[in-house]
Each structure stands twice: as C-alpha cells, then as structure tokens.
Amino acid sequence: MVSKRSGVTEPFSRDKVVAGVRRACQGRPVSEDSLAQLGQRVEEAIRAKGAAEIPSNEVGLAILGPLRDLDEVAYLRFASVYRGFESLADFEAEIRQLKAEKGES
C-alpha cells in the first residue's frame, strides 16, 4: 500500500508509475519496453523494503534513480515536478549535480 500526503492509502500500481514516467518522457527517445523495465525496477525496489505501507515520496525517490539512468531530460522534467522546482536556479543546481556525478564540468 502507498500512503499519500493527504492520508489516503491505495495499492501500489506499476501502471501508475509508468504513466507518470511516460509523461516525463514525452517526445524523448524512450521505448515502451524501457518504460516497462523502469516500472519493474521501481516495483522491485518498493517490494524489497518489505513494508506493508510505504509513503508516496519513497515511490518518487525510487523512480528518480532509474529515470536518471534512462534519460536525463525526462529525469529533469520528473524531478522538477516531484521536487517542486520554483526557479531556474533549481534547474541549474540539479544540472550541476548531474554533471558532477558524470565527472563533467
């Protein structure tokens, strides 16, 4: 079960994860197969925690890593919504972090 900020709980849905990531990947060279694999990775990560209930923000965190590996532009789109970017500086900071992780300047 996934607990939302509103207090509502609902069953985990791989389809819902894939649908959200699909929106972030719109117009990007990402195949449906890649989306399905990402959904499976996220579900496996969630189930591996072994908790009966998991906060929705942990689902979002479980999405960010695989999405960053899949497509950096889609990752930035998803992260901007998930983390509530409010300014260009938020995007710049995230891009700096991505570059640092890749060893770029």
PDB file of N, CA and C in Angstrom:
ATOM      1  N   MET A   1       0.841  -1.182   0.000  1.00  0.00           N
ATOM      2  CA  MET A   1       0.000   0.000   0.000  1.00  0.00           C
ATOM      3  C   MET A   1       0.888   1.247   0.000  1.00  0.00           C
ATOM      4  N   VAL A   2       0.390   2.265  -0.657  1.00  0.00           N
ATOM      5  CA  VAL A   2       1.091   3.549  -0.724  1.00  0.00           C
ATOM      6  C   VAL A   2       0.265   4.579   0.030  1.00  0.00           C
ATOM      7  N   SER A   3       0.921   5.265   0.968  1.00  0.00           N
ATOM      8  CA  SER A   3       0.209   6.310   1.707  1.00  0.00           C
ATOM      9  C   SER A   3       0.538   7.663   1.095  1.00  0.00           C
ATOM     10  N   LYS A   4      -0.512   8.391   0.784  1.00  0.00           N
ATOM     11  CA  LYS A   4      -0.388   9.719   0.177  1.00  0.00           C
ATOM     12  C   LYS A   4      -0.273  10.778   1.275  1.00  0.00           C
ATOM     13  N   ARG A   5       0.170  11.964   0.889  1.00  0.00           N
ATOM     14  CA  ARG A   5       0.273  13.071   1.848  1.00  0.00           C
ATOM     15  C   ARG A   5      -1.081  13.415   2.453  1.00  0.00           C
ATOM     16  N   SER A   6      -2.133  13.189   1.677  1.00  0.00           N
ATOM     17  CA  SER A   6      -3.482  13.506   2.147  1.00  0.00           C
ATOM     18  C   SER A   6      -3.976  12.533   3.205  1.00  0.00           C
ATOM     19  N   GLY A   7      -3.221  11.437   3.417  1.00  0.00           N
ATOM     20  CA  GLY A   7      -3.636  10.430   4.381  1.00  0.00           C
ATOM     21  C   GLY A   7      -4.326   9.240   3.747  1.00  0.00           C
ATOM     22  N   VAL A   8      -4.676   9.358   2.478  1.00  0.00           N
ATOM     23  CA  VAL A   8      -5.316   8.270   1.744  1.00  0.00           C
ATOM     24  C   VAL A   8      -4.272   7.206   1.423  1.00  0.00           C
ATOM     25  N   THR A   9      -4.673   5.951   1.477  1.00  0.00           N
ATOM     26  CA  THR A   9      -3.787   4.869   1.053  1.00  0.00           C
ATOM     27  C   THR A   9      -4.408   4.171  -0.143  1.00  0.00           C
ATOM     28  N   GLU A  10      -3.540   3.688  -1.015  1.00  0.00           N
ATOM     29  CA  GLU A  10      -4.003   2.960  -2.194  1.00  0.00           C
ATOM     30  C   GLU A  10      -2.975   1.897  -2.537  1.00  0.00           C
ATOM     31  N   PRO A  11      -3.385   0.868  -3.243  1.00  0.00           N
ATOM     32  CA  PRO A  11      -2.426  -0.175  -3.629  1.00  0.00           C
ATOM     33  C   PRO A  11      -1.346   0.396  -4.559  1.00  0.00           C
ATOM     34  N   PHE A  12      -0.146  -0.147  -4.457  1.00  0.00           N
ATOM     35  CA  PHE A  12       0.921   0.251  -5.374  1.00  0.00           C
ATOM     36  C   PHE A  12       0.501  -0.134  -6.780  1.00  0.00           C
ATOM     37  N   SER A  13       0.763   0.744  -7.738  1.00  0.00           N
ATOM     38  CA  SER A  13       0.410   0.478  -9.129  1.00  0.00           C
ATOM     39  C   SER A  13       1.599   0.749 -10.032  1.00  0.00           C
ATOM     40  N   ARG A  14       2.139  -0.319 -10.598  1.00  0.00           N
ATOM     41  CA  ARG A  14       3.228  -0.166 -11.556  1.00  0.00           C
ATOM     42  C   ARG A  14       2.744   0.650 -12.753  1.00  0.00           C
ATOM     43  N   ASP A  15       1.492   0.434 -13.161  1.00  0.00           N
ATOM     44  CA  ASP A  15       0.935   1.172 -14.296  1.00  0.00           C
ATOM     45  C   ASP A  15       0.928   2.680 -14.027  1.00  0.00           C
ATOM     46  N   LYS A  16       0.638   3.054 -12.790  1.00  0.00           N
ATOM     47  CA  LYS A  16       0.618   4.473 -12.436  1.00  0.00           C
ATOM     48  C   LYS A  16       2.026   5.059 -12.491  1.00  0.00           C
ATOM     49  N   VAL A  17       3.000   4.285 -12.052  1.00  0.00           N
ATOM     50  CA  VAL A  17       4.401   4.716 -12.129  1.00  0.00           C
ATOM     51  C   VAL A  17       4.786   4.932 -13.590  1.00  0.00           C
ATOM     52  N   VAL A  18       4.483   3.951 -14.425  1.00  0.00           N
ATOM     53  CA  VAL A  18       4.837   4.031 -15.839  1.00  0.00           C
ATOM     54  C   VAL A  18       4.130   5.208 -16.507  1.00  0.00           C
ATOM     55  N   ALA A  19       2.878   5.442 -16.174  1.00  0.00           N
ATOM     56  CA  ALA A  19       2.133   6.556 -16.764  1.00  0.00           C
ATOM     57  C   ALA A  19       2.783   7.897 -16.409  1.00  0.00           C
ATOM     58  N   GLY A  20       3.200   8.058 -15.160  1.00  0.00           N
ATOM     59  CA  GLY A  20       3.856   9.292 -14.746  1.00  0.00           C
ATOM     60  C   GLY A  20       5.189   9.486 -15.441  1.00  0.00           C
ATOM     61  N   VAL A  21       5.947   8.417 -15.560  1.00  0.00           N
ATOM     62  CA  VAL A  21       7.244   8.499 -16.229  1.00  0.00           C
ATOM     63  C   VAL A  21       7.042   8.725 -17.731  1.00  0.00           C
ATOM     64  N   ARG A  22       6.017   8.122 -18.292  1.00  0.00           N
ATOM     65  CA  ARG A  22       5.724   8.315 -19.717  1.00  0.00           C
ATOM     66  C   ARG A  22       5.501   9.795 -20.024  1.00  0.00           C
ATOM     67  N   ARG A  23       4.800  10.497 -19.135  1.00  0.00           N
ATOM     68  CA  ARG A  23       4.583  11.940 -19.338  1.00  0.00           C
ATOM     69  C   ARG A  23       5.918  12.682 -19.346  1.00  0.00           C
ATOM     70  N   ALA A  24       6.798  12.324 -18.432  1.00  0.00           N
ATOM     71  CA  ALA A  24       8.111  12.975 -18.377  1.00  0.00           C
ATOM     72  C   ALA A  24       8.950  12.658 -19.613  1.00  0.00           C
ATOM     73  N   CYS A  25       8.702  11.500 -20.223  1.00  0.00           N
ATOM     74  CA  CYS A  25       9.473  11.055 -21.385  1.00  0.00           C
ATOM     75  C   CYS A  25       8.855  11.477 -22.716  1.00  0.00           C
ATOM     76  N   GLN A  26       7.750  12.191 -22.662  1.00  0.00           N
ATOM     77  CA  GLN A  26       7.063  12.582 -23.893  1.00  0.00           C
ATOM     78  C   GLN A  26       8.017  13.331 -24.828  1.00  0.00           C
ATOM     79  N   GLY A  27       8.102  12.855 -26.068  1.00  0.00           N
ATOM     80  CA  GLY A  27       8.979  13.474 -27.051  1.00  0.00           C
ATOM     81  C   GLY A  27      10.430  13.054 -26.942  1.00  0.00           C
ATOM     82  N   ARG A  28      10.738  12.172 -26.029  1.00  0.00           N
ATOM     83  CA  ARG A  28      12.105  11.687 -25.827  1.00  0.00           C
ATOM     84  C   ARG A  28      12.251  10.310 -26.474  1.00  0.00           C
ATOM     85  N   PRO A  29      13.471   9.915 -26.833  1.00  0.00           N
ATOM     86  CA  PRO A  29      13.676   8.604 -27.475  1.00  0.00           C
ATOM     87  C   PRO A  29      13.695   7.468 -26.448  1.00  0.00           C
ATOM     88  N   VAL A  30      12.554   7.246 -25.814  1.00  0.00           N
ATOM     89  CA  VAL A  30      12.433   6.212 -24.776  1.00  0.00           C
ATOM     90  C   VAL A  30      11.351   5.243 -25.225  1.00  0.00           C
ATOM     91  N   SER A  31      11.703   3.967 -25.288  1.00  0.00           N
ATOM     92  CA  SER A  31      10.761   2.953 -25.766  1.00  0.00           C
ATOM     93  C   SER A  31       9.794   2.519 -24.666  1.00  0.00           C
ATOM     94  N   GLU A  32       8.689   1.950 -25.094  1.00  0.00           N
ATOM     95  CA  GLU A  32       7.720   1.394 -24.139  1.00  0.00           C
ATOM     96  C   GLU A  32       8.359   0.282 -23.323  1.00  0.00           C
ATOM     97  N   ASP A  33       9.250  -0.486 -23.961  1.00  0.00           N
ATOM     98  CA  ASP A  33       9.942  -1.558 -23.251  1.00  0.00           C
ATOM     99  C   ASP A  33      10.801  -0.989 -22.119  1.00  0.00           C
ATOM    100  N   SER A  34      11.480   0.120 -22.391  1.00  0.00           N
ATOM    101  CA  SER A  34      12.297   0.772 -21.359  1.00  0.00           C
ATOM    102  C   SER A  34      11.428   1.271 -20.212  1.00  0.00           C
ATOM    103  N   LEU A  35      10.250   1.804 -20.550  1.00  0.00           N
ATOM    104  CA  LEU A  35       9.321   2.262 -19.508  1.00  0.00           C
ATOM    105  C   LEU A  35       8.853   1.090 -18.661  1.00  0.00           C
ATOM    106  N   ALA A  36       8.546  -0.022 -19.305  1.00  0.00           N
ATOM    107  CA  ALA A  36       8.097  -1.209 -18.573  1.00  0.00           C
ATOM    108  C   ALA A  36       9.198  -1.724 -17.647  1.00  0.00           C
ATOM    109  N   GLN A  37      10.434  -1.720 -18.137  1.00  0.00           N
ATOM    110  CA  GLN A  37      11.557  -2.158 -17.305  1.00  0.00           C
ATOM    111  C   GLN A  37      11.751  -1.239 -16.111  1.00  0.00           C
ATOM    112  N   LEU A  38      11.617   0.065 -16.332  1.00  0.00           N
ATOM    113  CA  LEU A  38      11.728   1.018 -15.234  1.00  0.00           C
ATOM    114  C   LEU A  38      10.638   0.749 -14.202  1.00  0.00           C
ATOM    115  N   GLY A  39       9.406   0.538 -14.671  1.00  0.00           N
ATOM    116  CA  GLY A  39       8.306   0.232 -13.756  1.00  0.00           C
ATOM    117  C   GLY A  39       8.591  -1.000 -12.920  1.00  0.00           C
ATOM    118  N   GLN A  40       9.178  -2.013 -13.553  1.00  0.00           N
ATOM    119  CA  GLN A  40       9.513  -3.240 -12.836  1.00  0.00           C
ATOM    120  C   GLN A  40      10.606  -2.981 -11.797  1.00  0.00           C
ATOM    121  N   ARG A  41      11.622  -2.197 -12.165  1.00  0.00           N
ATOM    122  CA  ARG A  41      12.696  -1.873 -11.215  1.00  0.00           C
ATOM    123  C   ARG A  41      12.149  -1.139  -9.997  1.00  0.00           C
ATOM    124  N   VAL A  42      11.242  -0.189 -10.245  1.00  0.00           N
ATOM    125  CA  VAL A  42      10.659   0.576  -9.144  1.00  0.00           C
ATOM    126  C   VAL A  42       9.837  -0.346  -8.253  1.00  0.00           C
ATOM    127  N   GLU A  43       9.023  -1.204  -8.864  1.00  0.00           N
ATOM    128  CA  GLU A  43       8.208  -2.124  -8.062  1.00  0.00           C
ATOM    129  C   GLU A  43       9.083  -3.061  -7.235  1.00  0.00           C
ATOM    130  N   GLU A  44      10.151  -3.567  -7.827  1.00  0.00           N
ATOM    131  CA  GLU A  44      11.061  -4.448  -7.087  1.00  0.00           C
ATOM    132  C   GLU A  44      11.704  -3.715  -5.919  1.00  0.00           C
ATOM    133  N   ALA A  45      12.100  -2.465  -6.126  1.00  0.00           N
ATOM    134  CA  ALA A  45      12.712  -1.676  -5.052  1.00  0.00           C
ATOM    135  C   ALA A  45      11.728  -1.443  -3.917  1.00  0.00           C
ATOM    136  N   ILE A  46      10.480  -1.169  -4.264  1.00  0.00           N
ATOM    137  CA  ILE A  46       9.449  -0.930  -3.250  1.00  0.00           C
ATOM    138  C   ILE A  46       9.171  -2.211  -2.468  1.00  0.00           C
ATOM    139  N   ARG A  47       9.005  -3.310  -3.186  1.00  0.00           N
ATOM    140  CA  ARG A  47       8.708  -4.592  -2.523  1.00  0.00           C
ATOM    141  C   ARG A  47       9.883  -5.069  -1.668  1.00  0.00           C
ATOM    142  N   ALA A  48      11.105  -4.745  -2.083  1.00  0.00           N
ATOM    143  CA  ALA A  48      12.292  -5.157  -1.331  1.00  0.00           C
ATOM    144  C   ALA A  48      12.350  -4.501   0.039  1.00  0.00           C
ATOM    145  N   LYS A  49      11.686  -3.388   0.204  1.00  0.00           N
ATOM    146  CA  LYS A  49      11.648  -2.716   1.506  1.00  0.00           C
ATOM    147  C   LYS A  49      10.886  -3.556   2.528  1.00  0.00           C
ATOM    148  N   GLY A  50       9.971  -4.388   2.048  1.00  0.00           N
ATOM    149  CA  GLY A  50       9.245  -5.294   2.927  1.00  0.00           C
ATOM    150  C   GLY A  50       8.204  -4.636   3.808  1.00  0.00           C
ATOM    151  N   ALA A  51       7.913  -3.379   3.578  1.00  0.00           N
ATOM    152  CA  ALA A  51       6.933  -2.678   4.409  1.00  0.00           C
ATOM    153  C   ALA A  51       5.529  -2.892   3.853  1.00  0.00           C
ATOM    154  N   ALA A  52       4.569  -3.003   4.745  1.00  0.00           N
ATOM    155  CA  ALA A  52       3.179  -3.155   4.319  1.00  0.00           C
ATOM    156  C   ALA A  52       2.661  -1.866   3.706  1.00  0.00           C
ATOM    157  N   GLU A  53       3.195  -0.736   4.171  1.00  0.00           N
ATOM    158  CA  GLU A  53       2.772   0.572   3.670  1.00  0.00           C
ATOM    159  C   GLU A  53       4.005   1.437   3.466  1.00  0.00           C
ATOM    160  N   ILE A  54       4.018   2.160   2.368  1.00  0.00           N
ATOM    161  CA  ILE A  54       5.171   2.998   2.048  1.00  0.00           C
ATOM    162  C   ILE A  54       4.676   4.392   1.680  1.00  0.00           C
ATOM    163  N   PRO A  55       5.349   5.437   2.143  1.00  0.00           N
ATOM    164  CA  PRO A  55       4.932   6.794   1.784  1.00  0.00           C
ATOM    165  C   PRO A  55       5.120   7.044   0.287  1.00  0.00           C
ATOM    166  N   SER A  56       4.252   7.828  -0.301  1.00  0.00           N
ATOM    167  CA  SER A  56       4.322   8.106  -1.740  1.00  0.00           C
ATOM    168  C   SER A  56       5.639   8.773  -2.124  1.00  0.00           C
ATOM    169  N   ASN A  57       6.236   9.554  -1.216  1.00  0.00           N
ATOM    170  CA  ASN A  57       7.505  10.197  -1.567  1.00  0.00           C
ATOM    171  C   ASN A  57       8.616   9.178  -1.776  1.00  0.00           C
ATOM    172  N   GLU A  58       8.521   8.008  -1.117  1.00  0.00           N
ATOM    173  CA  GLU A  58       9.520   6.959  -1.338  1.00  0.00           C
ATOM    174  C   GLU A  58       9.354   6.321  -2.710  1.00  0.00           C
ATOM    175  N   VAL A  59       8.125   6.288  -3.198  1.00  0.00           N
ATOM    176  CA  VAL A  59       7.902   5.807  -4.561  1.00  0.00           C
ATOM    177  C   VAL A  59       8.576   6.774  -5.537  1.00  0.00           C
ATOM    178  N   GLY A  60       8.391   8.058  -5.311  1.00  0.00           N
ATOM    179  CA  GLY A  60       9.040   9.065  -6.153  1.00  0.00           C
ATOM    180  C   GLY A  60      10.549   8.940  -6.128  1.00  0.00           C
ATOM    181  N   LEU A  61      11.112   8.732  -4.956  1.00  0.00           N
ATOM    182  CA  LEU A  61      12.563   8.552  -4.847  1.00  0.00           C
ATOM    183  C   LEU A  61      13.022   7.307  -5.588  1.00  0.00           C
ATOM    184  N   ALA A  62      12.221   6.251  -5.541  1.00  0.00           N
ATOM    185  CA  ALA A  62      12.556   5.005  -6.232  1.00  0.00           C
ATOM    186  C   ALA A  62      12.520   5.190  -7.746  1.00  0.00           C
ATOM    187  N   ILE A  63      11.766   6.156  -8.224  1.00  0.00           N
ATOM    188  CA  ILE A  63      11.675   6.437  -9.663  1.00  0.00           C
ATOM    189  C   ILE A  63      12.882   7.247 -10.136  1.00  0.00           C
ATOM    190  N   LEU A  64      13.341   8.187  -9.334  1.00  0.00           N
ATOM    191  CA  LEU A  64      14.360   9.134  -9.777  1.00  0.00           C
ATOM    192  C   LEU A  64      15.650   8.473 -10.272  1.00  0.00           C
ATOM    193  N   GLY A  65      16.175   7.518  -9.546  1.00  0.00           N
ATOM    194  CA  GLY A  65      17.444   6.878  -9.944  1.00  0.00           C
ATOM    195  C   GLY A  65      17.363   6.187 -11.298  1.00  0.00           C
ATOM    196  N   PRO A  66      16.418   5.255 -11.463  1.00  0.00           N
ATOM    197  CA  PRO A  66      16.309   4.591 -12.771  1.00  0.00           C
ATOM    198  C   PRO A  66      15.982   5.556 -13.908  1.00  0.00           C
ATOM    199  N   LEU A  67      15.204   6.581 -13.630  1.00  0.00           N
ATOM    200  CA  LEU A  67      14.854   7.541 -14.676  1.00  0.00           C
ATOM    201  C   LEU A  67      16.072   8.365 -15.075  1.00  0.00           C
ATOM    202  N   ARG A  68      16.896   8.725 -14.110  1.00  0.00           N
ATOM    203  CA  ARG A  68      18.132   9.466 -14.417  1.00  0.00           C
ATOM    204  C   ARG A  68      19.018   8.638 -15.349  1.00  0.00           C
ATOM    205  N   ASP A  69      19.088   7.327 -15.091  1.00  0.00           N
ATOM    206  CA  ASP A  69      19.881   6.437 -15.942  1.00  0.00           C
ATOM    207  C   ASP A  69      19.271   6.292 -17.330  1.00  0.00           C
ATOM    208  N   LEU A  70      17.953   6.348 -17.411  1.00  0.00           N
ATOM    209  CA  LEU A  70      17.248   6.144 -18.679  1.00  0.00           C
ATOM    210  C   LEU A  70      17.334   7.367 -19.585  1.00  0.00           C
ATOM    211  N   ASP A  71      17.032   8.553 -19.064  1.00  0.00           N
ATOM    212  CA  ASP A  71      17.010   9.764 -19.890  1.00  0.00           C
ATOM    213  C   ASP A  71      17.105  10.981 -18.974  1.00  0.00           C
ATOM    214  N   GLU A  72      18.184  11.743 -19.106  1.00  0.00           N
ATOM    215  CA  GLU A  72      18.412  12.868 -18.203  1.00  0.00           C
ATOM    216  C   GLU A  72      17.395  13.989 -18.370  1.00  0.00           C
ATOM    217  N   VAL A  73      16.921  14.210 -19.585  1.00  0.00           N
ATOM    218  CA  VAL A  73      15.928  15.272 -19.795  1.00  0.00           C
ATOM    219  C   VAL A  73      14.615  14.883 -19.129  1.00  0.00           C
ATOM    220  N   ALA A  74      14.196  13.636 -19.311  1.00  0.00           N
ATOM    221  CA  ALA A  74      12.975  13.157 -18.658  1.00  0.00           C
ATOM    222  C   ALA A  74      13.150  13.207 -17.139  1.00  0.00           C
ATOM    223  N   TYR A  75      14.345  12.866 -16.669  1.00  0.00           N
ATOM    224  CA  TYR A  75      14.638  12.941 -15.238  1.00  0.00           C
ATOM    225  C   TYR A  75      14.435  14.361 -14.723  1.00  0.00           C
ATOM    226  N   LEU A  76      14.966  15.352 -15.449  1.00  0.00           N
ATOM    227  CA  LEU A  76      14.810  16.745 -15.022  1.00  0.00           C
ATOM    228  C   LEU A  76      13.343  17.157 -15.009  1.00  0.00           C
ATOM    229  N   ARG A  77      12.591  16.720 -15.999  1.00  0.00           N
ATOM    230  CA  ARG A  77      11.161  17.036 -16.039  1.00  0.00           C
ATOM    231  C   ARG A  77      10.456  16.453 -14.817  1.00  0.00           C
ATOM    232  N   PHE A  78      10.713  15.168 -14.553  1.00  0.00           N
ATOM    233  CA  PHE A  78      10.059  14.495 -13.433  1.00  0.00           C
ATOM    234  C   PHE A  78      10.500  15.120 -12.110  1.00  0.00           C
ATOM    235  N   ALA A  79      11.803  15.333 -11.963  1.00  0.00           N
ATOM    236  CA  ALA A  79      12.336  15.903 -10.722  1.00  0.00           C
ATOM    237  C   ALA A  79      11.784  17.298 -10.480  1.00  0.00           C
ATOM    238  N   SER A  80      11.589  18.067 -11.558  1.00  0.00           N
ATOM    239  CA  SER A  80      11.093  19.433 -11.380  1.00  0.00           C
ATOM    240  C   SER A  80       9.690  19.446 -10.779  1.00  0.00           C
ATOM    241  N   VAL A  81       8.886  18.464 -11.137  1.00  0.00           N
ATOM    242  CA  VAL A  81       7.537  18.361 -10.573  1.00  0.00           C
ATOM    243  C   VAL A  81       7.601  17.719  -9.180  1.00  0.00           C
ATOM    244  N   TYR A  82       8.317  16.596  -9.096  1.00  0.00           N
ATOM    245  CA  TYR A  82       8.396  15.843  -7.839  1.00  0.00           C
ATOM    246  C   TYR A  82       8.999  16.685  -6.716  1.00  0.00           C
ATOM    247  N   ARG A  83      10.062  17.405  -7.031  1.00  0.00           N
ATOM    248  CA  ARG A  83      10.743  18.211  -6.016  1.00  0.00           C
ATOM    249  C   ARG A  83      10.248  19.647  -5.961  1.00  0.00           C
ATOM    250  N   GLY A  84       9.317  19.994  -6.831  1.00  0.00           N
ATOM    251  CA  GLY A  84       8.701  21.320  -6.789  1.00  0.00           C
ATOM    252  C   GLY A  84       9.643  22.444  -7.142  1.00  0.00           C
ATOM    253  N   PHE A  85      10.402  22.286  -8.229  1.00  0.00           N
ATOM    254  CA  PHE A  85      11.288  23.365  -8.656  1.00  0.00           C
ATOM    255  C   PHE A  85      10.469  24.631  -8.841  1.00  0.00           C
ATOM    256  N   GLU A  86      11.016  25.737  -8.361  1.00  0.00           N
ATOM    257  CA  GLU A  86      10.302  27.012  -8.443  1.00  0.00           C
ATOM    258  C   GLU A  86      11.033  28.069  -9.248  1.00  0.00           C
ATOM    259  N   SER A  87      12.285  27.767  -9.635  1.00  0.00           N
ATOM    260  CA  SER A  87      13.045  28.781 -10.360  1.00  0.00           C
ATOM    261  C   SER A  87      14.074  28.122 -11.266  1.00  0.00           C
ATOM    262  N   LEU A  88      14.641  28.942 -12.122  1.00  0.00           N
ATOM    263  CA  LEU A  88      15.715  28.484 -12.988  1.00  0.00           C
ATOM    264  C   LEU A  88      16.895  27.981 -12.155  1.00  0.00           C
ATOM    265  N   ALA A  89      17.122  28.604 -11.023  1.00  0.00           N
ATOM    266  CA  ALA A  89      18.220  28.203 -10.140  1.00  0.00           C
ATOM    267  C   ALA A  89      18.056  26.761  -9.679  1.00  0.00           C
ATOM    268  N   ASP A  90      16.814  26.319  -9.470  1.00  0.00           N
ATOM    269  CA  ASP A  90      16.579  24.929  -9.078  1.00  0.00           C
ATOM    270  C   ASP A  90      17.037  23.974 -10.182  1.00  0.00           C
ATOM    271  N   PHE A  91      16.712  24.333 -11.439  1.00  0.00           N
ATOM    272  CA  PHE A  91      17.145  23.513 -12.569  1.00  0.00           C
ATOM    273  C   PHE A  91      18.669  23.528 -12.697  1.00  0.00           C
ATOM    274  N   GLU A  92      19.251  24.713 -12.554  1.00  0.00           N
ATOM    275  CA  GLU A  92      20.706  24.835 -12.665  1.00  0.00           C
ATOM    276  C   GLU A  92      21.417  23.994 -11.615  1.00  0.00           C
ATOM    277  N   ALA A  93      20.909  24.004 -10.405  1.00  0.00           N
ATOM    278  CA  ALA A  93      21.521  23.217  -9.330  1.00  0.00           C
ATOM    279  C   ALA A  93      21.439  21.730  -9.643  1.00  0.00           C
ATOM    280  N   GLU A  94      20.304  21.288 -10.147  1.00  0.00           N
ATOM    281  CA  GLU A  94      20.139  19.870 -10.480  1.00  0.00           C
ATOM    282  C   GLU A  94      21.048  19.479 -11.642  1.00  0.00           C
ATOM    283  N   ILE A  95      21.177  20.347 -12.628  1.00  0.00           N
ATOM    284  CA  ILE A  95      22.057  20.071 -13.764  1.00  0.00           C
ATOM    285  C   ILE A  95      23.512  20.018 -13.305  1.00  0.00           C
ATOM    286  N   ARG A  96      23.907  20.936 -12.418  1.00  0.00           N
ATOM    287  CA  ARG A  96      25.271  20.896 -11.861  1.00  0.00           C
ATOM    288  C   ARG A  96      25.529  19.569 -11.167  1.00  0.00           C
ATOM    289  N   GLN A  97      24.537  19.097 -10.399  1.00  0.00           N
ATOM    290  CA  GLN A  97      24.701  17.834  -9.690  1.00  0.00           C
ATOM    291  C   GLN A  97      24.826  16.667 -10.668  1.00  0.00           C
ATOM    292  N   LEU A  98      24.006  16.667 -11.727  1.00  0.00           N
ATOM    293  CA  LEU A  98      24.108  15.615 -12.748  1.00  0.00           C
ATOM    294  C   LEU A  98      25.490  15.618 -13.397  1.00  0.00           C
ATOM    295  N   LYS A  99      25.981  16.795 -13.727  1.00  0.00           N
ATOM    296  CA  LYS A  99      27.299  16.902 -14.358  1.00  0.00           C
ATOM    297  C   LYS A  99      28.393  16.432 -13.402  1.00  0.00           C
ATOM    298  N   ALA A 100      28.271  16.794 -12.136  1.00  0.00           N
ATOM    299  CA  ALA A 100      29.280  16.380 -11.149  1.00  0.00           C
ATOM    300  C   ALA A 100      29.304  14.861 -11.014  1.00  0.00           C
ATOM    301  N   GLU A 101      28.137  14.232 -11.037  1.00  0.00           N
ATOM    302  CA  GLU A 101      28.056  12.780 -10.926  1.00  0.00           C
ATOM    303  C   GLU A 101      28.685  12.092 -12.139  1.00  0.00           C
ATOM    304  N   LYS A 102      28.619  12.757 -13.288  1.00  0.00           N
ATOM    305  CA  LYS A 102      29.192  12.202 -14.516  1.00  0.00           C
ATOM    306  C   LYS A 102      30.645  12.616 -14.710  1.00  0.00           C
ATOM    307  N   GLY A 103      31.160  13.472 -13.831  1.00  0.00           N
ATOM    308  CA  GLY A 103      32.530  13.929 -13.933  1.00  0.00           C
ATOM    309  C   GLY A 103      32.736  15.001 -14.987  1.00  0.00           C
ATOM    310  N   GLU A 104      31.648  15.719 -15.319  1.00  0.00           N
ATOM    311  CA  GLU A 104      31.736  16.804 -16.298  1.00  0.00           C
ATOM    312  C   GLU A 104      31.879  18.138 -15.575  1.00  0.00           C
ATOM    313  N   SER A 105      32.320  19.137 -16.304  1.00  0.00           N
ATOM    314  CA  SER A 105      32.442  20.484 -15.730  1.00  0.00           C
ATOM    315  C   SER A 105      31.248  21.316 -16.050  1.00  0.00           C
TER     316      SER A 105
END
